[in-house]
Amino acid sequence: MSEYGKFFYGFIGVMVVGFLIVYFSRETEQDKVGYALLTTGNMLNTYARDACGKAGEEKAGTRLYNPSDSQSDGNSYVHLTWKYTHNGEHTLTCRYEKDKGITEMTLDGAPISEVSVDLGSGGSSGSAGGGAAKRDAGH
């Protein structure tokens, strides 16, 4: 067999193996749905940390870092809790809901009304599934 023939058959073999690898590594519909849910949950968590963190800093009067507790269903809400020390021990909680923004905020167990956050000057530009950058919660 000539050198050209060996090269040709080798090239065809590499192409067949490549096509087989691509064919058998395709994402299934279940993989796609799982990835979409993971992405949605991650976006919701990011928006909640941005909005609640900024609103919480305004109400607490100090910089809030990572929440000490986070609860979520991964699809519709995130509930964040910060335990911090600033002129004493304090606990700030914030509930962020998809398409609604901040729906509840408490400082040391007392509800905080008139929570308003403008994320237009930095951070994310809205809520997961929502289009507005300003979120209000009036209790």
Protein backbone atom coordinates (compact mmCIF):
# COMPACT_ATOMS: atom_id res chain seq x y z
CA MET A 1 0.00 0.00 0.00
CA SER A 2 1.32 3.44 -0.87
CA GLU A 3 1.99 6.24 1.60
CA TYR A 4 -0.98 8.12 0.17
CA GLY A 5 -3.29 5.15 0.80
CA LYS A 6 -2.12 4.81 4.40
CA PHE A 7 -2.67 8.51 4.98
CA PHE A 8 -6.12 8.37 3.38
CA TYR A 9 -7.30 5.39 5.46
CA GLY A 10 -5.80 6.88 8.62
CA PHE A 11 -7.64 10.14 7.97
CA ILE A 12 -10.94 8.32 7.37
CA GLY A 13 -10.41 6.33 10.61
CA VAL A 14 -9.81 9.50 12.64
CA MET A 15 -12.92 11.12 11.14
CA VAL A 16 -15.10 8.08 11.95
CA VAL A 17 -13.85 7.99 15.55
CA GLY A 18 -14.48 11.75 15.85
CA PHE A 19 -18.04 11.44 14.55
CA LEU A 20 -18.73 8.56 16.94
CA ILE A 21 -17.45 10.57 19.90
CA VAL A 22 -19.62 13.56 18.94
CA TYR A 23 -22.67 11.36 18.34
CA PHE A 24 -22.48 9.53 21.66
CA SER A 25 -21.69 12.62 23.75
CA ARG A 26 -24.74 14.65 22.72
CA GLU A 27 -26.85 16.15 25.49
CA THR A 28 -30.15 14.47 26.19
CA GLU A 29 -33.32 16.46 26.81
CA GLN A 30 -33.01 15.62 30.50
CA ASP A 31 -29.47 17.07 30.55
CA LYS A 32 -30.71 20.26 28.87
CA VAL A 33 -33.57 20.70 31.36
CA GLY A 34 -31.25 20.07 34.30
CA TYR A 35 -28.77 22.64 32.99
CA ALA A 36 -31.56 25.20 32.48
CA LEU A 37 -32.82 24.72 36.05
CA LEU A 38 -29.31 25.04 37.40
CA THR A 39 -28.72 28.23 35.43
CA THR A 40 -32.06 29.72 36.54
CA GLY A 41 -31.34 28.92 40.19
CA ASN A 42 -27.87 30.43 39.93
CA MET A 43 -29.21 33.62 38.34
CA LEU A 44 -31.93 33.92 40.99
CA ASN A 45 -29.35 33.48 43.76
CA THR A 46 -27.07 36.10 42.16
CA TYR A 47 -29.88 38.65 41.85
CA ALA A 48 -30.99 37.97 45.43
CA ARG A 49 -27.48 38.49 46.80
CA ASP A 50 -27.10 41.73 44.84
CA ALA A 51 -30.48 43.24 45.75
CA CYS A 52 -30.69 42.01 49.34
CA GLY A 53 -27.04 42.81 49.99
CA LYS A 54 -27.39 46.40 48.79
CA ALA A 55 -30.71 47.00 50.59
CA GLY A 56 -29.40 45.30 53.73
CA GLU A 57 -26.28 47.47 53.79
CA GLU A 58 -28.45 50.60 53.64
CA LYS A 59 -30.63 49.39 56.52
CA ALA A 60 -27.80 47.92 58.63
CA GLY A 61 -25.46 50.85 58.16
CA THR A 62 -22.47 48.58 57.52
CA ARG A 63 -20.97 46.42 54.79
CA LEU A 64 -22.53 42.96 54.57
CA TYR A 65 -20.40 40.21 53.18
CA ASN A 66 -21.47 36.63 52.52
CA PRO A 67 -24.77 35.58 54.08
CA SER A 68 -24.46 33.16 56.97
CA ASP A 69 -27.46 31.17 55.71
CA SER A 70 -29.22 30.76 52.39
CA GLN A 71 -32.39 28.82 51.60
CA SER A 72 -34.03 28.43 48.20
CA ASP A 73 -36.23 26.18 46.16
CA GLY A 74 -33.91 26.94 43.22
CA ASN A 75 -36.73 28.28 41.09
CA SER A 76 -38.91 30.92 42.71
CA TYR A 77 -37.39 32.37 45.90
CA VAL A 78 -34.19 32.85 47.90
CA HIS A 79 -34.15 33.57 51.64
CA LEU A 80 -30.86 35.02 52.92
CA THR A 81 -29.71 35.60 56.50
CA TRP A 82 -26.77 37.71 57.66
CA LYS A 83 -25.48 37.58 61.23
CA TYR A 84 -23.14 40.51 61.80
CA THR A 85 -21.65 42.71 64.49
CA HIS A 86 -22.07 46.48 64.22
CA ASN A 87 -22.84 48.23 67.50
CA GLY A 88 -23.91 44.86 68.87
CA GLU A 89 -25.02 41.50 67.47
CA HIS A 90 -27.62 41.72 64.69
CA THR A 91 -29.48 39.45 62.31
CA LEU A 92 -30.80 40.65 58.96
CA THR A 93 -33.05 38.45 56.82
CA CYS A 94 -34.21 39.04 53.28
CA ARG A 95 -36.61 37.14 51.04
CA TYR A 96 -36.22 37.66 47.29
CA GLU A 97 -38.81 36.25 44.90
CA LYS A 98 -38.57 35.77 41.17
CA ASP A 99 -40.38 38.50 39.21
CA LYS A 100 -41.18 40.36 42.46
CA GLY A 101 -37.80 41.34 43.91
CA ILE A 102 -37.42 41.83 47.66
CA THR A 103 -40.70 40.83 49.29
CA GLU A 104 -39.65 40.73 52.95
CA MET A 105 -36.80 42.10 55.03
CA THR A 106 -36.33 41.99 58.80
CA LEU A 107 -33.67 43.42 61.10
CA ASP A 108 -33.43 41.66 64.47
CA GLY A 109 -36.89 40.19 63.90
CA ALA A 110 -38.60 43.52 63.20
CA PRO A 111 -40.01 43.95 59.69
CA ILE A 112 -38.50 46.69 57.58
CA SER A 113 -40.92 48.50 55.31
CA GLU A 114 -40.15 50.62 52.29
CA VAL A 115 -37.27 48.55 50.93
CA SER A 116 -36.09 50.02 47.65
CA VAL A 117 -33.02 49.01 45.70
CA ASP A 118 -31.62 50.54 42.52
CA LEU A 119 -29.25 48.09 40.86
CA GLY A 120 -28.85 50.19 37.72
CA SER A 121 -25.49 51.63 38.83
CA GLY A 122 -23.60 48.38 39.10
CA GLY A 123 -24.42 44.80 39.86
CA SER A 124 -27.04 42.96 37.87
CA SER A 125 -29.68 44.72 35.84
CA GLY A 126 -32.84 43.13 37.17
CA SER A 127 -34.38 40.06 38.64
CA ALA A 128 -34.41 36.58 37.24
CA GLY A 129 -37.31 36.63 34.85
CA GLY A 130 -38.02 40.28 35.52
CA GLY A 131 -37.12 43.32 33.50
CA ALA A 132 -36.96 46.17 36.00
CA ALA A 133 -33.81 47.23 37.78
CA LYS A 134 -35.62 48.88 40.70
CA ARG A 135 -37.41 46.67 43.18
CA ASP A 136 -39.74 47.81 45.95
CA ALA A 137 -41.37 45.97 48.78
CA GLY A 138 -43.87 47.94 50.82
CA HIS A 139 -45.23 46.08 53.85
